[in-house]
Amino acid sequence: MMMDNLDPFSQLQPRTLPDILTVGQLNQLVKRSLEQNFDKVVVTGEIANFSRPTSGHIYFTLKDASGELRCVLFRMRQLSDYMHLLKDGIAVELTGQITLYAQRGQYQMIVSSLRLAGEGLLKQQFLALKKRLEADGLFDPTIKKTLPVYPKVIGVISSPSAAGLGDFLTILQKRYPICEVRLFVSPVQGEYASDQLIRALQLAEADTAIDVIVFCRGGGSLEDMWCFNNEALAQAIHRCAKPLMSAIGHERDVTICDLCADVRAATPTNAAMLIAPDSHEITQYLDQNMSRLFVSMRHLHQTKLLAFNHVHARICHPRIRIQQGLVDLSRNTRQLLGAMLRTHQHAQARCRMVIDKCTPSILNNHFQRAHKQFDGTYRRLIDVMRHIMVQHRHQVHHLCGQISAFNPYHVLRRGYGMTKYQQHVISSVRQVAQGAQIEIILSDGVLSAVVRDIHTDSGQQ
C-alpha cells in the first residue's frame, strides 16, 4: 500500500467539527476520509467467510495472521477468469477502495479487481499452460494409445518412498503376479524433479521389454505435485512411443501429466486395477472356454464319425465291384439272348402265317424277304452283343488293374519291403525292441533279421 501521508486523519482539524456529532454524521466524516485517503489500495490475504447470495454480489473476509478486512465484490466487477476458483482458504491479491458502510459503521473494502496469489498463482500458471498445450493438440483423445491387455513388463517411474507406490505394487501382485515390474527411480516433488522424471521416462522408453509405463505417487498439495505440471515433461510424454498411464495423487488432483497421458487413473490403487487383469478372472475365463471347447470338439467328432461311417458304407471293395459287374454282364447277356430268341420266334410265327396264306410262289418271295430281314436283324444283334461284350471286357480289365494297384506285393517289386514281427506287419520302430527277430518280405523271398539298433526321426535311440 503506497501513501504520501501515513496519517491521513491528521488532515482533519478538530476545530472544523461541531461540538456534538450524531452517529450518522461521524460515520459520514469517517467514510469521506477513508475514501479520499484510501481511494486505491492493494492488499493480500486469505479468503474466509466466503458468501455469494442471490443478489450475485460476493462477500468475504480477507485475513492474515494479524488482522481481518471485510470485503465486497459487486456483480458488475466480477470480470476475472478466476471467479469460479474463489473459496475459503484461497490466497488473493485485491485492488480496491477502503470505505465505511455508514448504516452499520462497518469498515470494508470495495474490490475493483483481484488475482490469485500463492497457490492461486500456481493455479493461474497451470490454467495458462493447460490452455496452450490443449491448443497444440497434446490432449487430443484421438492420439491416445491403448493399454496392452496382458502386459508382461511394466515400467514404474516413482520414488521408493512415494506414498502411492506401495499400494500400486500390492494390488498388482494380488491381481497379476506373473507381471514383472521395473522401477525407474526419480524424485516426485521438488525443484529439479521434472528433469529427473524426463530422464526416467527416456530410460523406460528405451527398455524394449517394457509394455507400458506408469507415473506413480500419492496425493499432496499443488506445490508438492508441481513438477508434474512441467511443459518439457508434457512434451516428453507426448513423444513417448509406449502406452503411458498417470497415477498421480487423488482423483481431485489433476495435473498436466494426467491430461497428456494415454490413461489417467484416479489413484495408484485404481491404476493397478486398470493396467492389469485379474488372474483369477482369467483362470475362470479359460476354464469356461475349455469346457465349451471340449463340448464343441466332442460334437464335431461325433458328427464327422457319422459322416465317415455313412461314406464308408457306400464304398465297396474293388473285388465286390468286379463281381457285381460280372453279375450285371451275365444278366444283360441273358436278357439279350432272350430278346433275340423271342424276336426269332416271332418272326417264325409270322412266316408260318404268311406261308399258310400264300401260294408257293408268294410264300417263296415272302420267305426270302423275311430271311433277309432276319439275317439283317441277327447281324445287328450280334454287333450290339459284341459291342456290349467289348465294353464289359474293358471294364473288367480296368477293375482288375485297380485291384492290382492295391496289391502290396506289386509294390515290393519296386524295391520296397514289408516287415513283420510275430506274424504282424509293423509300421513304426516303437513296435519292436532291440534283439527282436523280424522278417523282411521282399518281392522274391523273405529275410530273417535281428534288431540291433533303433533310431527315430528325432534322432533318439
Protein backbone atom coordinates (compact mmCIF):
# COMPACT_ATOMS: atom_id res chain seq x y z
CA MET A 1 0.00 0.00 0.00
CA MET A 2 1.53 3.33 -1.13
CA MET A 3 0.56 6.55 0.69
CA ASP A 4 2.16 10.00 0.74
CA ASN A 5 0.93 10.62 4.28
CA LEU A 6 0.96 7.73 6.75
CA ASP A 7 -1.54 9.52 8.98
CA PRO A 8 -4.40 10.69 6.76
CA PHE A 9 -6.53 11.58 9.79
CA SER A 10 -4.08 14.35 10.67
CA GLN A 11 -5.72 16.43 7.95
CA LEU A 12 -8.94 16.53 9.94
CA GLN A 13 -8.93 19.70 12.01
CA PRO A 14 -10.86 19.28 15.22
CA ARG A 15 -11.89 22.95 15.15
CA THR A 16 -13.93 22.33 11.98
CA LEU A 17 -16.06 19.69 13.70
CA PRO A 18 -19.25 20.53 15.52
CA ASP A 19 -19.13 20.29 19.28
CA ILE A 20 -21.55 17.40 19.23
CA LEU A 21 -21.84 14.84 16.35
CA THR A 22 -24.56 12.39 15.65
CA VAL A 23 -23.62 8.80 14.82
CA GLY A 24 -24.61 9.28 11.19
CA GLN A 25 -22.50 12.49 10.94
CA LEU A 26 -19.48 10.78 12.39
CA ASN A 27 -19.83 7.79 10.07
CA GLN A 28 -20.11 10.07 7.04
CA LEU A 29 -16.99 12.03 8.08
CA VAL A 30 -15.03 8.80 8.51
CA LYS A 31 -16.33 7.40 5.21
CA ARG A 32 -15.24 10.51 3.26
CA SER A 33 -11.85 10.48 4.92
CA LEU A 34 -11.28 6.78 4.13
CA GLU A 35 -12.41 7.09 0.51
CA GLN A 36 -10.23 10.17 -0.07
CA ASN A 37 -7.09 8.76 1.51
CA PHE A 38 -7.51 5.05 0.56
CA ASP A 39 -9.01 5.50 -2.91
CA LYS A 40 -6.87 2.72 -4.44
CA VAL A 41 -5.01 0.22 -2.32
CA VAL A 42 -3.56 -3.24 -3.00
CA VAL A 43 -3.73 -5.76 -0.21
CA THR A 44 -3.07 -9.51 0.04
CA GLY A 45 -4.54 -12.12 2.33
CA GLU A 46 -6.58 -15.29 2.56
CA ILE A 47 -10.31 -15.52 1.86
CA ALA A 48 -12.61 -16.52 4.73
CA ASN A 49 -16.39 -16.49 5.28
CA PHE A 50 -16.95 -16.60 1.52
CA SER A 51 -20.58 -15.93 0.51
CA ARG A 52 -22.43 -15.40 -2.77
CA PRO A 53 -26.13 -14.62 -2.07
CA THR A 54 -28.89 -14.45 -4.65
CA SER A 55 -28.04 -10.82 -5.39
CA GLY A 56 -24.94 -12.04 -7.22
CA HIS A 57 -22.53 -9.93 -5.15
CA ILE A 58 -19.65 -11.67 -3.36
CA TYR A 59 -18.93 -11.07 0.31
CA PHE A 60 -15.92 -12.38 2.19
CA THR A 61 -13.33 -11.58 4.83
CA LEU A 62 -9.68 -11.05 3.87
CA LYS A 63 -7.40 -12.06 6.71
CA ASP A 64 -3.84 -12.80 7.67
CA ALA A 65 -2.15 -13.66 10.93
CA SER A 66 -2.54 -10.12 12.33
CA GLY A 67 -5.93 -8.92 11.15
CA GLU A 68 -9.12 -9.13 9.12
CA LEU A 69 -10.78 -6.92 6.50
CA ARG A 70 -14.39 -7.16 5.36
CA CYS A 71 -14.64 -7.11 1.52
CA VAL A 72 -17.38 -6.91 -1.08
CA LEU A 73 -17.10 -7.63 -4.82
CA PHE A 74 -20.11 -6.33 -6.70
CA ARG A 75 -21.55 -8.40 -9.53
CA MET A 76 -20.59 -5.87 -12.23
CA ARG A 77 -16.94 -6.15 -11.18
CA GLN A 78 -16.75 -9.95 -11.48
CA LEU A 79 -14.78 -9.99 -14.73
CA SER A 80 -11.78 -12.11 -13.68
CA ASP A 81 -11.20 -15.60 -15.12
CA TYR A 82 -10.75 -16.90 -11.58
CA MET A 83 -14.20 -16.21 -10.15
CA HIS A 84 -15.02 -19.93 -10.13
CA LEU A 85 -11.88 -20.64 -8.07
CA LEU A 86 -12.78 -18.33 -5.19
CA LYS A 87 -13.49 -20.11 -1.92
CA ASP A 88 -12.34 -20.13 1.68
CA GLY A 89 -8.61 -20.59 2.06
CA ILE A 90 -7.61 -19.15 -1.33
CA ALA A 91 -4.83 -16.53 -1.23
CA VAL A 92 -5.65 -13.47 -3.33
CA GLU A 93 -4.30 -10.03 -4.16
CA LEU A 94 -7.06 -7.38 -4.12
CA THR A 95 -7.19 -3.89 -5.57
CA GLY A 96 -9.94 -1.57 -4.39
CA GLN A 97 -11.16 1.33 -2.23
CA ILE A 98 -11.46 1.41 1.55
CA THR A 99 -14.82 2.74 2.72
CA LEU A 100 -17.29 2.61 5.57
CA TYR A 101 -20.74 1.09 5.46
CA ALA A 102 -22.36 4.03 7.28
CA GLN A 103 -25.61 2.33 8.29
CA ARG A 104 -23.66 -0.21 10.37
CA GLY A 105 -20.47 1.67 10.95
CA GLN A 106 -18.66 -1.26 9.29
CA TYR A 107 -15.22 -0.70 7.80
CA GLN A 108 -14.77 -2.60 4.48
CA MET A 109 -13.08 -2.74 1.11
CA ILE A 110 -14.89 -2.36 -2.21
CA VAL A 111 -12.92 -4.67 -4.54
CA SER A 112 -12.39 -3.47 -8.10
CA SER A 113 -10.11 -6.31 -9.28
CA LEU A 114 -8.35 -9.38 -7.97
CA ARG A 115 -5.86 -12.03 -8.90
CA LEU A 116 -4.73 -15.23 -7.26
CA ALA A 117 -1.65 -15.29 -5.05
CA GLY A 118 0.45 -18.15 -3.65
CA GLU A 119 -1.23 -21.45 -4.65
CA GLY A 120 -3.72 -19.40 -6.54
CA LEU A 121 -0.86 -18.08 -8.66
CA LEU A 122 0.19 -21.66 -9.36
CA LYS A 123 -3.34 -22.44 -10.48
CA GLN A 124 -3.21 -19.40 -12.73
CA GLN A 125 0.01 -20.70 -14.29
CA PHE A 126 -1.50 -24.20 -14.55
CA LEU A 127 -4.53 -22.90 -16.45
CA ALA A 128 -2.36 -20.87 -18.82
CA LEU A 129 -0.12 -23.88 -19.58
CA LYS A 130 -3.14 -26.15 -19.96
CA LYS A 131 -4.73 -23.75 -22.44
CA ARG A 132 -1.53 -23.53 -24.51
CA LEU A 133 -0.88 -27.28 -24.60
CA GLU A 134 -4.50 -28.03 -25.41
CA ALA A 135 -4.25 -25.67 -28.38
CA ASP A 136 -1.12 -27.56 -29.50
CA GLY A 137 -3.09 -30.84 -29.51
CA LEU A 138 -1.29 -32.60 -26.65
CA PHE A 139 -4.60 -33.60 -25.03
CA ASP A 140 -6.26 -34.83 -28.22
CA PRO A 141 -8.14 -38.05 -27.33
CA THR A 142 -7.68 -39.42 -30.86
CA ILE A 143 -3.91 -39.81 -30.33
CA LYS A 144 -4.26 -41.70 -27.05
CA LYS A 145 -2.68 -45.17 -27.17
CA THR A 146 -4.46 -48.26 -25.87
CA LEU A 147 -3.05 -50.11 -22.89
CA PRO A 148 -1.95 -53.74 -23.55
CA VAL A 149 -4.46 -56.28 -22.28
CA TYR A 150 -1.84 -58.65 -20.83
CA PRO A 151 1.35 -56.66 -20.10
CA LYS A 152 4.44 -58.73 -19.38
CA VAL A 153 6.70 -55.94 -18.10
CA ILE A 154 5.51 -52.67 -16.50
CA GLY A 155 7.87 -49.73 -16.08
CA VAL A 156 7.07 -47.64 -12.99
CA ILE A 157 8.52 -44.13 -12.58
CA SER A 158 8.39 -43.17 -8.91
CA SER A 159 10.33 -42.65 -5.73
CA PRO A 160 10.82 -45.69 -3.47
CA SER A 161 9.39 -43.59 -0.64
CA ALA A 162 6.36 -42.37 -2.61
CA ALA A 163 3.12 -42.87 -0.69
CA GLY A 164 1.19 -44.47 -3.57
CA LEU A 165 3.90 -46.84 -4.84
CA GLY A 166 3.31 -49.46 -2.14
CA ASP A 167 -0.44 -49.52 -2.81
CA PHE A 168 0.17 -49.90 -6.54
CA LEU A 169 2.62 -52.81 -6.13
CA THR A 170 0.47 -54.59 -3.52
CA ILE A 171 -2.68 -54.57 -5.67
CA LEU A 172 -0.70 -55.51 -8.79
CA GLN A 173 0.87 -58.50 -7.03
CA LYS A 174 -2.56 -59.75 -5.90
CA ARG A 175 -4.23 -59.32 -9.27
CA TYR A 176 -1.48 -60.20 -11.74
CA PRO A 177 1.55 -61.80 -10.03
CA ILE A 178 3.08 -63.04 -13.30
CA CYS A 179 3.84 -59.48 -14.41
CA GLU A 180 7.37 -58.08 -13.97
CA VAL A 181 7.75 -54.54 -12.57
CA ARG A 182 10.84 -52.44 -13.33
CA LEU A 183 11.24 -49.34 -11.13
CA PHE A 184 12.88 -46.23 -12.59
CA VAL A 185 13.77 -44.13 -9.56
CA SER A 186 13.08 -40.39 -9.69
CA PRO A 187 12.05 -37.73 -7.16
CA VAL A 188 8.35 -36.95 -7.47
CA GLN A 189 8.41 -33.46 -5.96
CA GLY A 190 10.86 -30.62 -5.66
CA GLU A 191 12.52 -28.01 -7.83
CA TYR A 192 14.54 -30.39 -10.03
CA ALA A 193 12.10 -33.31 -10.05
CA SER A 194 10.78 -32.54 -13.56
CA ASP A 195 14.21 -33.04 -15.17
CA GLN A 196 14.66 -36.34 -13.31
CA LEU A 197 11.20 -37.50 -14.35
CA ILE A 198 12.01 -36.79 -18.01
CA ARG A 199 15.28 -38.74 -17.69
CA ALA A 200 13.49 -41.69 -16.08
CA LEU A 201 10.87 -41.64 -18.84
CA GLN A 202 13.59 -41.75 -21.50
CA LEU A 203 15.21 -44.76 -19.81
CA ALA A 204 11.88 -46.58 -19.52
CA GLU A 205 11.01 -45.89 -23.15
CA ALA A 206 14.42 -47.19 -24.28
CA ASP A 207 13.81 -50.51 -22.48
CA THR A 208 12.40 -52.68 -25.29
CA ALA A 209 10.95 -55.24 -22.87
CA ILE A 210 8.60 -52.75 -21.24
CA ASP A 211 5.00 -52.85 -22.49
CA VAL A 212 3.54 -49.88 -20.56
CA ILE A 213 4.87 -47.04 -18.37
CA VAL A 214 3.27 -45.67 -15.18
CA PHE A 215 3.92 -42.40 -13.31
CA CYS A 216 3.07 -43.18 -9.68
CA ARG A 217 2.89 -41.11 -6.49
CA GLY A 218 0.43 -40.37 -3.70
CA GLY A 219 -1.59 -37.22 -3.11
CA GLY A 220 -0.31 -33.86 -1.93
CA SER A 221 -0.63 -30.12 -2.28
CA LEU A 222 -0.43 -28.28 -5.57
CA GLU A 223 3.13 -27.23 -4.71
CA ASP A 224 4.11 -30.84 -3.95
CA MET A 225 2.92 -32.05 -7.34
CA TRP A 226 4.00 -29.01 -9.33
CA CYS A 227 6.80 -30.98 -11.04
CA PHE A 228 4.07 -32.85 -12.98
CA ASN A 229 2.86 -29.53 -14.44
CA ASN A 230 6.07 -29.01 -16.39
CA GLU A 231 5.87 -28.22 -20.12
CA ALA A 232 9.04 -30.15 -21.01
CA LEU A 233 7.67 -33.23 -19.23
CA ALA A 234 4.37 -32.83 -21.09
CA GLN A 235 6.22 -32.76 -24.43
CA ALA A 236 8.24 -35.86 -23.44
CA ILE A 237 5.02 -37.73 -22.58
CA HIS A 238 3.51 -36.63 -25.90
CA ARG A 239 6.53 -38.02 -27.80
CA CYS A 240 6.62 -41.31 -25.87
CA ALA A 241 6.01 -44.27 -28.20
CA LYS A 242 4.87 -46.61 -25.42
CA PRO A 243 1.44 -46.50 -23.74
CA LEU A 244 1.65 -44.35 -20.62
CA MET A 245 -0.59 -44.18 -17.55
CA SER A 246 -0.66 -41.38 -14.99
CA ALA A 247 -1.42 -42.42 -11.40
CA ILE A 248 -0.65 -39.20 -9.54
CA GLY A 249 -2.36 -38.12 -6.34
CA HIS A 250 -6.07 -38.46 -5.80
CA GLU A 251 -8.98 -38.08 -8.20
CA ARG A 252 -9.32 -34.36 -7.44
CA ASP A 253 -5.61 -33.72 -8.13
CA VAL A 254 -5.43 -33.06 -11.88
CA THR A 255 -2.02 -32.33 -13.40
CA ILE A 256 -0.72 -31.63 -16.90
CA CYS A 257 0.82 -35.10 -16.81
CA ASP A 258 -2.67 -36.58 -16.27
CA LEU A 259 -4.01 -34.73 -19.30
CA CYS A 260 -1.13 -35.78 -21.59
CA ALA A 261 -1.08 -39.44 -20.53
CA ASP A 262 -2.89 -42.07 -22.58
CA VAL A 263 -4.85 -43.18 -19.49
CA ARG A 264 -5.36 -41.39 -16.19
CA ALA A 265 -6.02 -43.38 -13.02
CA ALA A 266 -7.78 -41.74 -10.09
CA THR A 267 -5.35 -43.27 -7.58
CA PRO A 268 -2.34 -45.64 -7.65
CA THR A 269 -4.64 -48.41 -6.43
CA ASN A 270 -7.01 -47.73 -9.31
CA ALA A 271 -4.01 -47.74 -11.68
CA ALA A 272 -3.08 -51.29 -10.64
CA MET A 273 -6.64 -52.42 -11.34
CA LEU A 274 -6.72 -50.72 -14.75
CA ILE A 275 -3.32 -51.75 -16.03
CA ALA A 276 -3.51 -55.49 -15.39
CA PRO A 277 -6.28 -58.09 -15.49
CA ASP A 278 -7.32 -60.19 -12.52
CA SER A 279 -5.55 -63.57 -12.77
CA HIS A 280 -8.46 -65.28 -11.02
CA GLU A 281 -10.88 -63.94 -13.63
CA ILE A 282 -8.52 -65.11 -16.39
CA THR A 283 -8.44 -68.61 -14.88
CA GLN A 284 -12.23 -68.73 -14.70
CA TYR A 285 -12.47 -67.48 -18.27
CA LEU A 286 -10.04 -70.15 -19.52
CA ASP A 287 -11.87 -72.89 -17.60
CA GLN A 288 -15.19 -71.85 -19.12
CA ASN A 289 -13.73 -71.74 -22.62
CA MET A 290 -12.01 -75.11 -22.17
CA SER A 291 -15.35 -76.65 -21.19
CA ARG A 292 -17.07 -75.11 -24.21
CA LEU A 293 -14.20 -76.22 -26.46
CA PHE A 294 -14.42 -79.79 -25.15
CA VAL A 295 -18.17 -79.92 -25.82
CA SER A 296 -17.67 -78.48 -29.31
CA MET A 297 -14.86 -80.91 -30.14
CA ARG A 298 -16.89 -83.88 -28.91
CA HIS A 299 -19.87 -82.79 -31.01
CA LEU A 300 -17.63 -82.24 -34.05
CA HIS A 301 -16.02 -85.66 -33.58
CA GLN A 302 -19.40 -87.38 -33.40
CA THR A 303 -20.62 -85.52 -36.49
CA LYS A 304 -17.50 -86.39 -38.51
CA LEU A 305 -17.64 -90.01 -37.34
CA LEU A 306 -21.24 -90.38 -38.51
CA ALA A 307 -20.34 -88.81 -41.86
CA PHE A 308 -17.35 -91.16 -42.22
CA ASN A 309 -19.42 -94.24 -41.42
CA HIS A 310 -22.04 -93.15 -43.92
CA VAL A 311 -19.47 -92.68 -46.69
CA HIS A 312 -17.63 -95.88 -45.75
CA ALA A 313 -20.84 -97.88 -46.03
CA ARG A 314 -21.27 -96.62 -49.60
CA ILE A 315 -17.74 -97.53 -50.68
CA CYS A 316 -17.35 -101.13 -51.98
CA HIS A 317 -14.18 -103.17 -52.20
CA PRO A 318 -12.88 -103.41 -55.82
CA ARG A 319 -13.35 -107.21 -55.81
CA ILE A 320 -17.01 -106.77 -54.88
CA ARG A 321 -17.41 -104.18 -57.62
CA ILE A 322 -15.95 -106.61 -60.20
CA GLN A 323 -18.18 -109.42 -59.03
CA GLN A 324 -21.18 -107.12 -59.27
CA GLY A 325 -20.07 -106.11 -62.78
CA LEU A 326 -19.85 -109.76 -63.85
CA VAL A 327 -23.32 -110.44 -62.45
CA ASP A 328 -24.68 -107.45 -64.37
CA LEU A 329 -22.91 -108.62 -67.54
CA SER A 330 -24.38 -112.13 -67.22
CA ARG A 331 -27.83 -110.74 -66.59
CA ASN A 332 -27.63 -108.39 -69.57
CA THR A 333 -26.37 -111.24 -71.79
CA ARG A 334 -29.25 -113.47 -70.80
CA GLN A 335 -31.70 -110.66 -71.42
CA LEU A 336 -30.17 -110.00 -74.85
CA LEU A 337 -30.26 -113.67 -75.85
CA GLY A 338 -33.82 -113.95 -74.63
CA ALA A 339 -34.78 -110.91 -76.67
CA MET A 340 -33.09 -112.37 -79.74
CA LEU A 341 -34.87 -115.70 -79.24
CA ARG A 342 -38.22 -114.02 -78.84
CA THR A 343 -37.62 -111.96 -81.94
CA HIS A 344 -36.68 -115.07 -83.89
CA GLN A 345 -39.73 -116.96 -82.66
CA HIS A 346 -41.96 -114.03 -83.50
CA ALA A 347 -40.51 -113.89 -86.99
CA GLN A 348 -41.03 -117.61 -87.45
CA ALA A 349 -44.64 -117.30 -86.37
CA ARG A 350 -45.24 -114.52 -88.82
CA CYS A 351 -43.60 -116.57 -91.54
CA ARG A 352 -45.85 -119.53 -90.85
CA MET A 353 -48.89 -117.28 -91.05
CA VAL A 354 -47.73 -115.96 -94.36
CA ILE A 355 -46.96 -119.47 -95.62
CA ASP A 356 -50.42 -120.63 -94.70
CA LYS A 357 -51.99 -117.78 -96.65
CA CYS A 358 -49.76 -117.65 -99.66
CA THR A 359 -49.10 -119.77 -102.76
CA PRO A 360 -45.74 -121.38 -103.17
CA SER A 361 -44.50 -118.50 -105.31
CA ILE A 362 -45.73 -115.81 -102.91
CA LEU A 363 -44.51 -117.87 -100.00
CA ASN A 364 -41.15 -118.13 -101.56
CA ASN A 365 -40.97 -114.36 -102.08
CA HIS A 366 -42.07 -113.63 -98.53
CA PHE A 367 -39.71 -116.22 -97.18
CA GLN A 368 -36.79 -114.69 -98.98
CA ARG A 369 -37.65 -111.19 -97.73
CA ALA A 370 -38.20 -112.50 -94.22
CA HIS A 371 -34.96 -114.40 -94.35
CA LYS A 372 -33.10 -111.26 -95.42
CA GLN A 373 -34.80 -109.25 -92.69
CA PHE A 374 -33.96 -111.91 -90.15
CA ASP A 375 -30.35 -112.07 -91.28
CA GLY A 376 -30.04 -108.28 -91.02
CA THR A 377 -31.61 -108.23 -87.58
CA TYR A 378 -29.46 -111.11 -86.46
CA ARG A 379 -26.27 -109.42 -87.65
CA ARG A 380 -27.22 -106.16 -85.91
CA LEU A 381 -27.96 -108.03 -82.71
CA ILE A 382 -24.63 -109.84 -82.95
CA ASP A 383 -22.86 -106.48 -83.46
CA VAL A 384 -24.63 -104.98 -80.47
CA MET A 385 -23.78 -108.00 -78.37
CA ARG A 386 -20.12 -107.81 -79.41
CA HIS A 387 -20.01 -104.10 -78.60
CA ILE A 388 -21.50 -104.72 -75.17
CA MET A 389 -19.08 -107.57 -74.56
CA VAL A 390 -16.13 -105.33 -75.51
CA GLN A 391 -17.31 -102.60 -73.14
CA HIS A 392 -17.70 -105.02 -70.27
CA ARG A 393 -14.34 -106.61 -71.05
CA HIS A 394 -12.73 -103.15 -70.82
CA GLN A 395 -14.47 -102.56 -67.52
CA VAL A 396 -13.24 -105.91 -66.20
CA HIS A 397 -9.66 -105.09 -67.26
CA HIS A 398 -9.89 -101.65 -65.64
CA LEU A 399 -11.18 -103.08 -62.38
CA CYS A 400 -8.51 -105.77 -62.41
CA GLY A 401 -5.90 -103.03 -62.83
CA GLN A 402 -7.29 -101.23 -59.80
CA ILE A 403 -7.14 -104.45 -57.78
CA SER A 404 -3.58 -105.00 -58.92
CA ALA A 405 -2.63 -101.46 -57.85
CA PHE A 406 -3.83 -102.25 -54.34
CA ASN A 407 -1.80 -105.47 -54.20
CA PRO A 408 1.07 -104.82 -51.73
CA TYR A 409 3.24 -107.49 -53.37
CA HIS A 410 3.35 -105.47 -56.56
CA VAL A 411 4.82 -102.57 -54.56
CA LEU A 412 7.60 -104.90 -53.38
CA ARG A 413 8.79 -105.27 -56.98
CA ARG A 414 9.77 -101.60 -56.93
CA GLY A 415 12.32 -102.15 -54.18
CA TYR A 416 10.13 -101.80 -51.11
CA GLY A 417 9.93 -104.31 -48.29
CA MET A 418 7.30 -105.36 -45.75
CA THR A 419 8.46 -106.07 -42.20
CA LYS A 420 6.68 -108.48 -39.84
CA TYR A 421 7.18 -109.13 -36.16
CA GLN A 422 5.43 -112.14 -34.62
CA GLN A 423 3.28 -112.54 -37.76
CA HIS A 424 2.12 -108.90 -37.61
CA VAL A 425 3.06 -106.16 -40.04
CA ILE A 426 4.86 -103.33 -38.24
CA SER A 427 4.73 -99.66 -39.30
CA SER A 428 6.73 -97.96 -36.51
CA VAL A 429 10.05 -98.54 -34.76
CA ARG A 430 8.19 -98.32 -31.47
CA GLN A 431 6.51 -101.69 -32.18
CA VAL A 432 9.78 -103.64 -31.69
CA ALA A 433 12.67 -103.63 -29.24
CA GLN A 434 16.37 -104.33 -29.56
CA GLY A 435 17.07 -108.02 -30.05
CA ALA A 436 13.70 -108.74 -31.64
CA GLN A 437 13.67 -111.25 -34.53
CA ILE A 438 11.84 -109.85 -37.54
CA GLU A 439 11.02 -110.97 -41.10
CA ILE A 440 11.54 -108.71 -44.11
CA ILE A 441 9.40 -109.77 -47.05
CA LEU A 442 10.77 -108.79 -50.49
CA SER A 443 9.34 -109.42 -53.94
CA ASP A 444 11.23 -112.70 -54.38
CA GLY A 445 11.65 -114.03 -50.83
CA VAL A 446 11.87 -113.46 -47.07
CA LEU A 447 14.83 -112.24 -44.97
CA SER A 448 15.16 -113.07 -41.26
CA ALA A 449 16.88 -110.36 -39.18
CA VAL A 450 17.60 -109.32 -35.60
CA VAL A 451 17.11 -105.68 -34.46
CA ARG A 452 20.42 -104.24 -33.23
CA ASP A 453 19.75 -100.51 -33.03
CA ILE A 454 16.63 -98.37 -33.15
CA HIS A 455 16.69 -94.78 -34.41
CA THR A 456 13.69 -92.45 -34.63
CA ASP A 457 13.29 -89.43 -36.94
CA SER A 458 14.01 -87.15 -33.96
CA GLY A 459 17.42 -88.77 -33.52
CA GLN A 460 16.62 -90.60 -30.28
CA GLN A 461 17.91 -94.15 -29.82
